Amino acid sequence: MNYNSKSLLDTKFNKNVKGYDALQVDETLDQVIEDYEEYDKKIAQDKKTIEELKAELSKVKEDLFNTEIEAKKYKNIVDSIPNGPEVNKQNIVYLKRIADLERALYKKGVDPKKI
């Protein structure tokens, strides 16, 4: 950047017979135009980044929603297993592990049902 607000404010132009030195004013304005073009590029780039992040956030929210549905489904399955000595606790551990692995696959964009 050629200028910031303070340096632009502090810019002094040389005077000549007809007012200020036109060449000096033109050079300064050219630099200010360059700054504006740089700002415009930065703003456009930032807007593009914001749109990309919004799209990514939307996808993450959708994935989270789907994961929560799957988690509730598996919680209901696990909760429906009767308690008692005949129930093998290791099976519950396996079910929880499977649910964790499926959630990890969903986060990576893979549908475990299609594997």
PDB file of N, CA and C in Angstrom:
ATOM      1  N   MET A   1       0.837  -1.178   0.000  1.00  0.00           N
ATOM      2  CA  MET A   1       0.000   0.000   0.000  1.00  0.00           C
ATOM      3  C   MET A   1       0.885   1.247   0.000  1.00  0.00           C
ATOM      4  N   ASN A   2       0.454   2.198  -0.760  1.00  0.00           N
ATOM      5  CA  ASN A   2       1.216   3.440  -0.857  1.00  0.00           C
ATOM      6  C   ASN A   2       0.896   4.388   0.294  1.00  0.00           C
ATOM      7  N   TYR A   3      -0.350   4.380   0.716  1.00  0.00           N
ATOM      8  CA  TYR A   3      -0.782   5.344   1.740  1.00  0.00           C
ATOM      9  C   TYR A   3      -1.647   4.663   2.779  1.00  0.00           C
ATOM     10  N   ASN A   4      -1.612   5.251   3.958  1.00  0.00           N
ATOM     11  CA  ASN A   4      -2.640   4.974   4.951  1.00  0.00           C
ATOM     12  C   ASN A   4      -3.338   6.307   5.203  1.00  0.00           C
ATOM     13  N   SER A   5      -4.340   6.324   6.063  1.00  0.00           N
ATOM     14  CA  SER A   5      -5.114   7.563   6.220  1.00  0.00           C
ATOM     15  C   SER A   5      -4.245   8.725   6.701  1.00  0.00           C
ATOM     16  N   LYS A   6      -3.294   8.447   7.597  1.00  0.00           N
ATOM     17  CA  LYS A   6      -2.457   9.522   8.134  1.00  0.00           C
ATOM     18  C   LYS A   6      -1.482  10.045   7.075  1.00  0.00           C
ATOM     19  N   SER A   7      -0.827   9.138   6.348  1.00  0.00           N
ATOM     20  CA  SER A   7       0.150   9.597   5.354  1.00  0.00           C
ATOM     21  C   SER A   7      -0.526  10.347   4.214  1.00  0.00           C
ATOM     22  N   LEU A   8      -1.746   9.930   3.867  1.00  0.00           N
ATOM     23  CA  LEU A   8      -2.467  10.657   2.827  1.00  0.00           C
ATOM     24  C   LEU A   8      -2.860  12.049   3.316  1.00  0.00           C
ATOM     25  N   LEU A   9      -3.287  12.126   4.559  1.00  0.00           N
ATOM     26  CA  LEU A   9      -3.656  13.417   5.143  1.00  0.00           C
ATOM     27  C   LEU A   9      -2.436  14.338   5.245  1.00  0.00           C
ATOM     28  N   ASP A  10      -1.282  13.770   5.520  1.00  0.00           N
ATOM     29  CA  ASP A  10      -0.058  14.561   5.690  1.00  0.00           C
ATOM     30  C   ASP A  10       0.638  14.902   4.367  1.00  0.00           C
ATOM     31  N   THR A  11       0.104  14.416   3.262  1.00  0.00           N
ATOM     32  CA  THR A  11       0.721  14.699   1.959  1.00  0.00           C
ATOM     33  C   THR A  11       0.635  16.192   1.656  1.00  0.00           C
ATOM     34  N   LYS A  12       1.765  16.755   1.306  1.00  0.00           N
ATOM     35  CA  LYS A  12       1.832  18.182   0.960  1.00  0.00           C
ATOM     36  C   LYS A  12       2.211  18.302  -0.509  1.00  0.00           C
ATOM     37  N   PHE A  13       1.560  19.207  -1.202  1.00  0.00           N
ATOM     38  CA  PHE A  13       1.837  19.430  -2.612  1.00  0.00           C
ATOM     39  C   PHE A  13       2.585  20.747  -2.778  1.00  0.00           C
ATOM     40  N   ASN A  14       3.501  20.757  -3.720  1.00  0.00           N
ATOM     41  CA  ASN A  14       4.244  21.979  -4.031  1.00  0.00           C
ATOM     42  C   ASN A  14       3.351  22.938  -4.815  1.00  0.00           C
ATOM     43  N   LYS A  15       3.482  24.189  -4.535  1.00  0.00           N
ATOM     44  CA  LYS A  15       2.692  25.194  -5.248  1.00  0.00           C
ATOM     45  C   LYS A  15       3.488  25.726  -6.423  1.00  0.00           C
ATOM     46  N   ASN A  16       2.755  26.068  -7.474  1.00  0.00           N
ATOM     47  CA  ASN A  16       3.384  26.763  -8.593  1.00  0.00           C
ATOM     48  C   ASN A  16       2.488  27.949  -8.968  1.00  0.00           C
ATOM     49  N   VAL A  17       2.741  28.543 -10.081  1.00  0.00           N
ATOM     50  CA  VAL A  17       2.050  29.778 -10.469  1.00  0.00           C
ATOM     51  C   VAL A  17       0.539  29.563 -10.571  1.00  0.00           C
ATOM     52  N   LYS A  18       0.095  28.430 -11.102  1.00  0.00           N
ATOM     53  CA  LYS A  18      -1.337  28.204 -11.319  1.00  0.00           C
ATOM     54  C   LYS A  18      -1.983  27.383 -10.203  1.00  0.00           C
ATOM     55  N   GLY A  19      -1.349  27.206  -9.105  1.00  0.00           N
ATOM     56  CA  GLY A  19      -1.908  26.416  -8.002  1.00  0.00           C
ATOM     57  C   GLY A  19      -0.906  25.369  -7.560  1.00  0.00           C
ATOM     58  N   TYR A  20      -1.369  24.125  -7.458  1.00  0.00           N
ATOM     59  CA  TYR A  20      -0.487  23.035  -7.058  1.00  0.00           C
ATOM     60  C   TYR A  20       0.170  22.418  -8.284  1.00  0.00           C
ATOM     61  N   ASP A  21       1.307  21.777  -8.058  1.00  0.00           N
ATOM     62  CA  ASP A  21       2.041  21.096  -9.123  1.00  0.00           C
ATOM     63  C   ASP A  21       1.192  19.929  -9.637  1.00  0.00           C
ATOM     64  N   ALA A  22       0.702  20.045 -10.859  1.00  0.00           N
ATOM     65  CA  ALA A  22      -0.221  19.064 -11.441  1.00  0.00           C
ATOM     66  C   ALA A  22       0.420  17.679 -11.535  1.00  0.00           C
ATOM     67  N   LEU A  23       1.678  17.593 -11.873  1.00  0.00           N
ATOM     68  CA  LEU A  23       2.372  16.316 -11.990  1.00  0.00           C
ATOM     69  C   LEU A  23       2.438  15.614 -10.635  1.00  0.00           C
ATOM     70  N   GLN A  24       2.743  16.357  -9.610  1.00  0.00           N
ATOM     71  CA  GLN A  24       2.816  15.791  -8.261  1.00  0.00           C
ATOM     72  C   GLN A  24       1.424  15.314  -7.821  1.00  0.00           C
ATOM     73  N   VAL A  25       0.394  16.095  -8.090  1.00  0.00           N
ATOM     74  CA  VAL A  25      -0.978  15.706  -7.731  1.00  0.00           C
ATOM     75  C   VAL A  25      -1.375  14.452  -8.505  1.00  0.00           C
ATOM     76  N   ASP A  26      -1.060  14.394  -9.806  1.00  0.00           N
ATOM     77  CA  ASP A  26      -1.394  13.233 -10.621  1.00  0.00           C
ATOM     78  C   ASP A  26      -0.684  11.977 -10.118  1.00  0.00           C
ATOM     79  N   GLU A  27       0.585  12.088  -9.762  1.00  0.00           N
ATOM     80  CA  GLU A  27       1.326  10.938  -9.241  1.00  0.00           C
ATOM     81  C   GLU A  27       0.708  10.439  -7.938  1.00  0.00           C
ATOM     82  N   THR A  28       0.332  11.369  -7.076  1.00  0.00           N
ATOM     83  CA  THR A  28      -0.294  10.993  -5.804  1.00  0.00           C
ATOM     84  C   THR A  28      -1.624  10.301  -6.054  1.00  0.00           C
ATOM     85  N   LEU A  29      -2.433  10.866  -6.958  1.00  0.00           N
ATOM     86  CA  LEU A  29      -3.725  10.248  -7.269  1.00  0.00           C
ATOM     87  C   LEU A  29      -3.539   8.867  -7.904  1.00  0.00           C
ATOM     88  N   ASP A  30      -2.525   8.696  -8.735  1.00  0.00           N
ATOM     89  CA  ASP A  30      -2.240   7.381  -9.311  1.00  0.00           C
ATOM     90  C   ASP A  30      -1.937   6.361  -8.217  1.00  0.00           C
ATOM     91  N   GLN A  31      -1.189   6.772  -7.224  1.00  0.00           N
ATOM     92  CA  GLN A  31      -0.881   5.870  -6.112  1.00  0.00           C
ATOM     93  C   GLN A  31      -2.128   5.560  -5.290  1.00  0.00           C
ATOM     94  N   VAL A  32      -2.977   6.557  -5.107  1.00  0.00           N
ATOM     95  CA  VAL A  32      -4.228   6.333  -4.379  1.00  0.00           C
ATOM     96  C   VAL A  32      -5.107   5.357  -5.164  1.00  0.00           C
ATOM     97  N   ILE A  33      -5.148   5.481  -6.486  1.00  0.00           N
ATOM     98  CA  ILE A  33      -5.909   4.563  -7.334  1.00  0.00           C
ATOM     99  C   ILE A  33      -5.365   3.146  -7.193  1.00  0.00           C
ATOM    100  N   GLU A  34      -4.047   3.010  -7.174  1.00  0.00           N
ATOM    101  CA  GLU A  34      -3.437   1.687  -6.968  1.00  0.00           C
ATOM    102  C   GLU A  34      -3.889   1.084  -5.648  1.00  0.00           C
ATOM    103  N   ASP A  35      -3.904   1.921  -4.613  1.00  0.00           N
ATOM    104  CA  ASP A  35      -4.358   1.449  -3.304  1.00  0.00           C
ATOM    105  C   ASP A  35      -5.812   0.966  -3.375  1.00  0.00           C
ATOM    106  N   TYR A  36      -6.661   1.745  -4.035  1.00  0.00           N
ATOM    107  CA  TYR A  36      -8.070   1.359  -4.151  1.00  0.00           C
ATOM    108  C   TYR A  36      -8.217   0.052  -4.935  1.00  0.00           C
ATOM    109  N   GLU A  37      -7.432  -0.113  -5.991  1.00  0.00           N
ATOM    110  CA  GLU A  37      -7.485  -1.356  -6.756  1.00  0.00           C
ATOM    111  C   GLU A  37      -7.063  -2.530  -5.875  1.00  0.00           C
ATOM    112  N   GLU A  38      -6.047  -2.324  -5.064  1.00  0.00           N
ATOM    113  CA  GLU A  38      -5.588  -3.358  -4.134  1.00  0.00           C
ATOM    114  C   GLU A  38      -6.690  -3.683  -3.112  1.00  0.00           C
ATOM    115  N   TYR A  39      -7.342  -2.644  -2.589  1.00  0.00           N
ATOM    116  CA  TYR A  39      -8.449  -2.861  -1.652  1.00  0.00           C
ATOM    117  C   TYR A  39      -9.590  -3.619  -2.325  1.00  0.00           C
ATOM    118  N   ASP A  40      -9.921  -3.265  -3.559  1.00  0.00           N
ATOM    119  CA  ASP A  40     -10.995  -3.944  -4.282  1.00  0.00           C
ATOM    120  C   ASP A  40     -10.674  -5.426  -4.470  1.00  0.00           C
ATOM    121  N   LYS A  41      -9.413  -5.737  -4.814  1.00  0.00           N
ATOM    122  CA  LYS A  41      -9.010  -7.135  -4.964  1.00  0.00           C
ATOM    123  C   LYS A  41      -9.144  -7.873  -3.642  1.00  0.00           C
ATOM    124  N   LYS A  42      -8.705  -7.230  -2.574  1.00  0.00           N
ATOM    125  CA  LYS A  42      -8.764  -7.847  -1.247  1.00  0.00           C
ATOM    126  C   LYS A  42     -10.217  -8.080  -0.840  1.00  0.00           C
ATOM    127  N   ILE A  43     -11.076  -7.118  -1.084  1.00  0.00           N
ATOM    128  CA  ILE A  43     -12.491  -7.253  -0.735  1.00  0.00           C
ATOM    129  C   ILE A  43     -13.117  -8.397  -1.532  1.00  0.00           C
ATOM    130  N   ALA A  44     -12.820  -8.476  -2.826  1.00  0.00           N
ATOM    131  CA  ALA A  44     -13.360  -9.556  -3.657  1.00  0.00           C
ATOM    132  C   ALA A  44     -12.863 -10.917  -3.164  1.00  0.00           C
ATOM    133  N   GLN A  45     -11.595 -10.978  -2.820  1.00  0.00           N
ATOM    134  CA  GLN A  45     -11.029 -12.225  -2.308  1.00  0.00           C
ATOM    135  C   GLN A  45     -11.681 -12.598  -0.975  1.00  0.00           C
ATOM    136  N   ASP A  46     -11.870 -11.617  -0.108  1.00  0.00           N
ATOM    137  CA  ASP A  46     -12.508 -11.877   1.187  1.00  0.00           C
ATOM    138  C   ASP A  46     -13.957 -12.338   1.015  1.00  0.00           C
ATOM    139  N   LYS A  47     -14.680 -11.727   0.070  1.00  0.00           N
ATOM    140  CA  LYS A  47     -16.065 -12.150  -0.187  1.00  0.00           C
ATOM    141  C   LYS A  47     -16.098 -13.593  -0.682  1.00  0.00           C
ATOM    142  N   LYS A  48     -15.166 -13.943  -1.566  1.00  0.00           N
ATOM    143  CA  LYS A  48     -15.107 -15.318  -2.070  1.00  0.00           C
ATOM    144  C   LYS A  48     -14.817 -16.282  -0.922  1.00  0.00           C
ATOM    145  N   THR A  49     -13.871 -15.924  -0.068  1.00  0.00           N
ATOM    146  CA  THR A  49     -13.530 -16.765   1.080  1.00  0.00           C
ATOM    147  C   THR A  49     -14.728 -16.921   2.002  1.00  0.00           C
ATOM    148  N   ILE A  50     -15.449 -15.842   2.244  1.00  0.00           N
ATOM    149  CA  ILE A  50     -16.629 -15.889   3.104  1.00  0.00           C
ATOM    150  C   ILE A  50     -17.673 -16.835   2.522  1.00  0.00           C
ATOM    151  N   GLU A  51     -17.922 -16.749   1.218  1.00  0.00           N
ATOM    152  CA  GLU A  51     -18.900 -17.632   0.580  1.00  0.00           C
ATOM    153  C   GLU A  51     -18.461 -19.089   0.680  1.00  0.00           C
ATOM    154  N   GLU A  52     -17.170 -19.351   0.472  1.00  0.00           N
ATOM    155  CA  GLU A  52     -16.666 -20.719   0.594  1.00  0.00           C
ATOM    156  C   GLU A  52     -16.833 -21.233   2.023  1.00  0.00           C
ATOM    157  N   LEU A  53     -16.536 -20.384   2.997  1.00  0.00           N
ATOM    158  CA  LEU A  53     -16.677 -20.791   4.391  1.00  0.00           C
ATOM    159  C   LEU A  53     -18.136 -21.005   4.767  1.00  0.00           C
ATOM    160  N   LYS A  54     -19.036 -20.174   4.223  1.00  0.00           N
ATOM    161  CA  LYS A  54     -20.465 -20.372   4.478  1.00  0.00           C
ATOM    162  C   LYS A  54     -20.927 -21.714   3.923  1.00  0.00           C
ATOM    163  N   ALA A  55     -20.480 -22.049   2.716  1.00  0.00           N
ATOM    164  CA  ALA A  55     -20.856 -23.328   2.114  1.00  0.00           C
ATOM    165  C   ALA A  55     -20.305 -24.491   2.947  1.00  0.00           C
ATOM    166  N   GLU A  56     -19.071 -24.357   3.384  1.00  0.00           N
ATOM    167  CA  GLU A  56     -18.462 -25.401   4.205  1.00  0.00           C
ATOM    168  C   GLU A  56     -19.194 -25.529   5.544  1.00  0.00           C
ATOM    169  N   LEU A  57     -19.546 -24.400   6.147  1.00  0.00           N
ATOM    170  CA  LEU A  57     -20.284 -24.419   7.412  1.00  0.00           C
ATOM    171  C   LEU A  57     -21.635 -25.095   7.233  1.00  0.00           C
ATOM    172  N   SER A  58     -22.303 -24.813   6.138  1.00  0.00           N
ATOM    173  CA  SER A  58     -23.593 -25.433   5.853  1.00  0.00           C
ATOM    174  C   SER A  58     -23.445 -26.947   5.751  1.00  0.00           C
ATOM    175  N   LYS A  59     -22.388 -27.386   5.063  1.00  0.00           N
ATOM    176  CA  LYS A  59     -22.148 -28.826   4.931  1.00  0.00           C
ATOM    177  C   LYS A  59     -21.845 -29.448   6.290  1.00  0.00           C
ATOM    178  N   VAL A  60     -21.060 -28.771   7.091  1.00  0.00           N
ATOM    179  CA  VAL A  60     -20.723 -29.289   8.417  1.00  0.00           C
ATOM    180  C   VAL A  60     -21.977 -29.378   9.287  1.00  0.00           C
ATOM    181  N   LYS A  61     -22.852 -28.369   9.208  1.00  0.00           N
ATOM    182  CA  LYS A  61     -24.094 -28.407   9.977  1.00  0.00           C
ATOM    183  C   LYS A  61     -24.967 -29.574   9.529  1.00  0.00           C
ATOM    184  N   GLU A  62     -25.031 -29.796   8.222  1.00  0.00           N
ATOM    185  CA  GLU A  62     -25.813 -30.917   7.704  1.00  0.00           C
ATOM    186  C   GLU A  62     -25.227 -32.241   8.178  1.00  0.00           C
ATOM    187  N   ASP A  63     -23.902 -32.361   8.116  1.00  0.00           N
ATOM    188  CA  ASP A  63     -23.244 -33.575   8.595  1.00  0.00           C
ATOM    189  C   ASP A  63     -23.503 -33.787  10.082  1.00  0.00           C
ATOM    190  N   LEU A  64     -23.451 -32.718  10.856  1.00  0.00           N
ATOM    191  CA  LEU A  64     -23.713 -32.814  12.287  1.00  0.00           C
ATOM    192  C   LEU A  64     -25.141 -33.277  12.535  1.00  0.00           C
ATOM    193  N   PHE A  65     -26.081 -32.709  11.800  1.00  0.00           N
ATOM    194  CA  PHE A  65     -27.483 -33.101  11.948  1.00  0.00           C
ATOM    195  C   PHE A  65     -27.652 -34.585  11.646  1.00  0.00           C
ATOM    196  N   ASN A  66     -27.057 -35.036  10.537  1.00  0.00           N
ATOM    197  CA  ASN A  66     -27.148 -36.455  10.176  1.00  0.00           C
ATOM    198  C   ASN A  66     -26.476 -37.345  11.215  1.00  0.00           C
ATOM    199  N   THR A  67     -25.373 -36.892  11.734  1.00  0.00           N
ATOM    200  CA  THR A  67     -24.662 -37.659  12.760  1.00  0.00           C
ATOM    201  C   THR A  67     -25.484 -37.754  14.037  1.00  0.00           C
ATOM    202  N   GLU A  68     -26.129 -36.660  14.404  1.00  0.00           N
ATOM    203  CA  GLU A  68     -26.976 -36.692  15.601  1.00  0.00           C
ATOM    204  C   GLU A  68     -28.139 -37.657  15.422  1.00  0.00           C
ATOM    205  N   ILE A  69     -28.715 -37.701  14.228  1.00  0.00           N
ATOM    206  CA  ILE A  69     -29.802 -38.648  13.957  1.00  0.00           C
ATOM    207  C   ILE A  69     -29.293 -40.077  14.093  1.00  0.00           C
ATOM    208  N   GLU A  70     -28.130 -40.333  13.510  1.00  0.00           N
ATOM    209  CA  GLU A  70     -27.546 -41.674  13.612  1.00  0.00           C
ATOM    210  C   GLU A  70     -27.227 -42.028  15.068  1.00  0.00           C
ATOM    211  N   ALA A  71     -26.713 -41.059  15.806  1.00  0.00           N
ATOM    212  CA  ALA A  71     -26.376 -41.316  17.205  1.00  0.00           C
ATOM    213  C   ALA A  71     -27.631 -41.663  18.009  1.00  0.00           C
ATOM    214  N   LYS A  72     -28.721 -40.935  17.743  1.00  0.00           N
ATOM    215  CA  LYS A  72     -29.977 -41.237  18.449  1.00  0.00           C
ATOM    216  C   LYS A  72     -30.472 -42.623  18.075  1.00  0.00           C
ATOM    217  N   LYS A  73     -30.338 -42.967  16.802  1.00  0.00           N
ATOM    218  CA  LYS A  73     -30.775 -44.289  16.360  1.00  0.00           C
ATOM    219  C   LYS A  73     -29.997 -45.377  17.104  1.00  0.00           C
ATOM    220  N   TYR A  74     -28.680 -45.220  17.163  1.00  0.00           N
ATOM    221  CA  TYR A  74     -27.869 -46.226  17.847  1.00  0.00           C
ATOM    222  C   TYR A  74     -28.060 -46.187  19.360  1.00  0.00           C
ATOM    223  N   LYS A  75     -28.339 -45.020  19.893  1.00  0.00           N
ATOM    224  CA  LYS A  75     -28.626 -44.936  21.327  1.00  0.00           C
ATOM    225  C   LYS A  75     -29.894 -45.711  21.641  1.00  0.00           C
ATOM    226  N   ASN A  76     -30.897 -45.564  20.785  1.00  0.00           N
ATOM    227  CA  ASN A  76     -32.142 -46.312  20.984  1.00  0.00           C
ATOM    228  C   ASN A  76     -31.890 -47.815  20.891  1.00  0.00           C
ATOM    229  N   ILE A  77     -31.038 -48.217  19.956  1.00  0.00           N
ATOM    230  CA  ILE A  77     -30.712 -49.644  19.829  1.00  0.00           C
ATOM    231  C   ILE A  77     -30.021 -50.133  21.087  1.00  0.00           C
ATOM    232  N   VAL A  78     -29.039 -49.370  21.542  1.00  0.00           N
ATOM    233  CA  VAL A  78     -28.303 -49.771  22.742  1.00  0.00           C
ATOM    234  C   VAL A  78     -29.212 -49.756  23.958  1.00  0.00           C
ATOM    235  N   ASP A  79     -30.070 -48.742  24.055  1.00  0.00           N
ATOM    236  CA  ASP A  79     -30.982 -48.661  25.200  1.00  0.00           C
ATOM    237  C   ASP A  79     -32.003 -49.796  25.202  1.00  0.00           C
ATOM    238  N   SER A  80     -32.308 -50.349  24.029  1.00  0.00           N
ATOM    239  CA  SER A  80     -33.303 -51.417  23.956  1.00  0.00           C
ATOM    240  C   SER A  80     -32.742 -52.785  24.339  1.00  0.00           C
ATOM    241  N   ILE A  81     -31.434 -52.876  24.503  1.00  0.00           N
ATOM    242  CA  ILE A  81     -30.827 -54.145  24.906  1.00  0.00           C
ATOM    243  C   ILE A  81     -31.171 -54.387  26.372  1.00  0.00           C
ATOM    244  N   PRO A  82     -31.750 -55.537  26.658  1.00  0.00           N
ATOM    245  CA  PRO A  82     -32.154 -55.799  28.051  1.00  0.00           C
ATOM    246  C   PRO A  82     -30.944 -55.933  28.973  1.00  0.00           C
ATOM    247  N   ASN A  83     -31.149 -55.485  30.186  1.00  0.00           N
ATOM    248  CA  ASN A  83     -30.101 -55.601  31.191  1.00  0.00           C
ATOM    249  C   ASN A  83     -30.255 -56.941  31.898  1.00  0.00           C
ATOM    250  N   GLY A  84     -29.174 -57.473  32.267  1.00  0.00           N
ATOM    251  CA  GLY A  84     -29.215 -58.718  33.014  1.00  0.00           C
ATOM    252  C   GLY A  84     -27.961 -59.520  32.765  1.00  0.00           C
ATOM    253  N   PRO A  85     -27.837 -60.609  33.467  1.00  0.00           N
ATOM    254  CA  PRO A  85     -26.619 -61.414  33.348  1.00  0.00           C
ATOM    255  C   PRO A  85     -26.449 -62.040  31.965  1.00  0.00           C
ATOM    256  N   GLU A  86     -27.576 -62.229  31.231  1.00  0.00           N
ATOM    257  CA  GLU A  86     -27.458 -62.869  29.921  1.00  0.00           C
ATOM    258  C   GLU A  86     -26.898 -61.930  28.852  1.00  0.00           C
ATOM    259  N   VAL A  87     -26.887 -60.634  29.157  1.00  0.00           N
ATOM    260  CA  VAL A  87     -26.387 -59.665  28.190  1.00  0.00           C
ATOM    261  C   VAL A  87     -24.866 -59.574  28.321  1.00  0.00           C
ATOM    262  N   ASN A  88     -24.242 -59.744  27.213  1.00  0.00           N
ATOM    263  CA  ASN A  88     -22.789 -59.656  27.205  1.00  0.00           C
ATOM    264  C   ASN A  88     -22.404 -58.185  27.102  1.00  0.00           C
ATOM    265  N   LYS A  89     -21.761 -57.653  28.122  1.00  0.00           N
ATOM    266  CA  LYS A  89     -21.372 -56.244  28.125  1.00  0.00           C
ATOM    267  C   LYS A  89     -20.426 -55.911  26.982  1.00  0.00           C
ATOM    268  N   GLN A  90     -19.706 -56.894  26.523  1.00  0.00           N
ATOM    269  CA  GLN A  90     -18.787 -56.645  25.417  1.00  0.00           C
ATOM    270  C   GLN A  90     -19.546 -56.266  24.146  1.00  0.00           C
ATOM    271  N   ASN A  91     -20.749 -56.809  23.977  1.00  0.00           N
ATOM    272  CA  ASN A  91     -21.548 -56.453  22.804  1.00  0.00           C
ATOM    273  C   ASN A  91     -21.895 -54.960  22.809  1.00  0.00           C
ATOM    274  N   ILE A  92     -22.172 -54.423  23.978  1.00  0.00           N
ATOM    275  CA  ILE A  92     -22.479 -52.999  24.080  1.00  0.00           C
ATOM    276  C   ILE A  92     -21.249 -52.173  23.698  1.00  0.00           C
ATOM    277  N   VAL A  93     -20.100 -52.608  24.132  1.00  0.00           N
ATOM    278  CA  VAL A  93     -18.855 -51.922  23.789  1.00  0.00           C
ATOM    279  C   VAL A  93     -18.656 -51.957  22.266  1.00  0.00           C
ATOM    280  N   TYR A  94     -18.933 -53.115  21.661  1.00  0.00           N
ATOM    281  CA  TYR A  94     -18.793 -53.238  20.207  1.00  0.00           C
ATOM    282  C   TYR A  94     -19.762 -52.301  19.483  1.00  0.00           C
ATOM    283  N   LEU A  95     -21.005 -52.246  19.946  1.00  0.00           N
ATOM    284  CA  LEU A  95     -21.989 -51.366  19.312  1.00  0.00           C
ATOM    285  C   LEU A  95     -21.572 -49.903  19.406  1.00  0.00           C
ATOM    286  N   LYS A  96     -21.082 -49.496  20.563  1.00  0.00           N
ATOM    287  CA  LYS A  96     -20.623 -48.123  20.725  1.00  0.00           C
ATOM    288  C   LYS A  96     -19.424 -47.851  19.811  1.00  0.00           C
ATOM    289  N   ARG A  97     -18.542 -48.819  19.710  1.00  0.00           N
ATOM    290  CA  ARG A  97     -17.363 -48.659  18.850  1.00  0.00           C
ATOM    291  C   ARG A  97     -17.786 -48.549  17.386  1.00  0.00           C
ATOM    292  N   ILE A  98     -18.739 -49.388  16.980  1.00  0.00           N
ATOM    293  CA  ILE A  98     -19.240 -49.317  15.610  1.00  0.00           C
ATOM    294  C   ILE A  98     -19.861 -47.952  15.342  1.00  0.00           C
ATOM    295  N   ALA A  99     -20.659 -47.454  16.292  1.00  0.00           N
ATOM    296  CA  ALA A  99     -21.281 -46.136  16.132  1.00  0.00           C
ATOM    297  C   ALA A  99     -20.213 -45.055  16.014  1.00  0.00           C
ATOM    298  N   ASP A 100     -19.170 -45.138  16.816  1.00  0.00           N
ATOM    299  CA  ASP A 100     -18.072 -44.163  16.737  1.00  0.00           C
ATOM    300  C   ASP A 100     -17.376 -44.220  15.377  1.00  0.00           C
ATOM    301  N   LEU A 101     -17.146 -45.421  14.894  1.00  0.00           N
ATOM    302  CA  LEU A 101     -16.489 -45.575  13.594  1.00  0.00           C
ATOM    303  C   LEU A 101     -17.377 -45.056  12.461  1.00  0.00           C
ATOM    304  N   GLU A 102     -18.663 -45.314  12.551  1.00  0.00           N
ATOM    305  CA  GLU A 102     -19.573 -44.804  11.525  1.00  0.00           C
ATOM    306  C   GLU A 102     -19.614 -43.281  11.553  1.00  0.00           C
ATOM    307  N   ARG A 103     -19.622 -42.678  12.734  1.00  0.00           N
ATOM    308  CA  ARG A 103     -19.588 -41.214  12.830  1.00  0.00           C
ATOM    309  C   ARG A 103     -18.307 -40.678  12.191  1.00  0.00           C
ATOM    310  N   ALA A 104     -17.203 -41.357  12.427  1.00  0.00           N
ATOM    311  CA  ALA A 104     -15.932 -40.931  11.840  1.00  0.00           C
ATOM    312  C   ALA A 104     -15.989 -41.033  10.316  1.00  0.00           C
ATOM    313  N   LEU A 105     -16.614 -42.079   9.815  1.00  0.00           N
ATOM    314  CA  LEU A 105     -16.762 -42.214   8.362  1.00  0.00           C
ATOM    315  C   LEU A 105     -17.635 -41.106   7.800  1.00  0.00           C
ATOM    316  N   TYR A 106     -18.728 -40.789   8.486  1.00  0.00           N
ATOM    317  CA  TYR A 106     -19.602 -39.700   8.025  1.00  0.00           C
ATOM    318  C   TYR A 106     -18.842 -38.378   7.989  1.00  0.00           C
ATOM    319  N   LYS A 107     -18.013 -38.151   8.987  1.00  0.00           N
ATOM    320  CA  LYS A 107     -17.233 -36.915   9.011  1.00  0.00           C
ATOM    321  C   LYS A 107     -16.272 -36.838   7.826  1.00  0.00           C
ATOM    322  N   LYS A 108     -15.815 -37.995   7.373  1.00  0.00           N
ATOM    323  CA  LYS A 108     -14.900 -38.033   6.233  1.00  0.00           C
ATOM    324  C   LYS A 108     -15.648 -38.042   4.904  1.00  0.00           C
ATOM    325  N   GLY A 109     -16.994 -38.039   4.981  1.00  0.00           N
ATOM    326  CA  GLY A 109     -17.790 -37.989   3.766  1.00  0.00           C
ATOM    327  C   GLY A 109     -18.102 -39.356   3.171  1.00  0.00           C
ATOM    328  N   VAL A 110     -17.944 -40.414   3.950  1.00  0.00           N
ATOM    329  CA  VAL A 110     -18.205 -41.777   3.465  1.00  0.00           C
ATOM    330  C   VAL A 110     -19.464 -42.288   4.155  1.00  0.00           C
ATOM    331  N   ASP A 111     -20.380 -42.844   3.365  1.00  0.00           N
ATOM    332  CA  ASP A 111     -21.591 -43.436   3.928  1.00  0.00           C
ATOM    333  C   ASP A 111     -21.302 -44.889   4.252  1.00  0.00           C
ATOM    334  N   PRO A 112     -21.279 -45.265   5.549  1.00  0.00           N
ATOM    335  CA  PRO A 112     -20.929 -46.630   5.923  1.00  0.00           C
ATOM    336  C   PRO A 112     -21.906 -47.668   5.371  1.00  0.00           C
ATOM    337  N   LYS A 113     -23.128 -47.251   5.061  1.00  0.00           N
ATOM    338  CA  LYS A 113     -24.113 -48.185   4.529  1.00  0.00           C
ATOM    339  C   LYS A 113     -23.778 -48.631   3.115  1.00  0.00           C
ATOM    340  N   LYS A 114     -22.917 -47.864   2.437  1.00  0.00           N
ATOM    341  CA  LYS A 114     -22.556 -48.185   1.061  1.00  0.00           C
ATOM    342  C   LYS A 114     -21.214 -48.912   0.960  1.00  0.00           C
ATOM    343  N   ILE A 115     -20.653 -49.256   2.085  1.00  0.00           N
ATOM    344  CA  ILE A 115     -19.356 -49.948   2.079  1.00  0.00           C
ATOM    345  C   ILE A 115     -19.589 -51.442   1.919  1.00  0.00           C
TER     346      ILE A 115
END
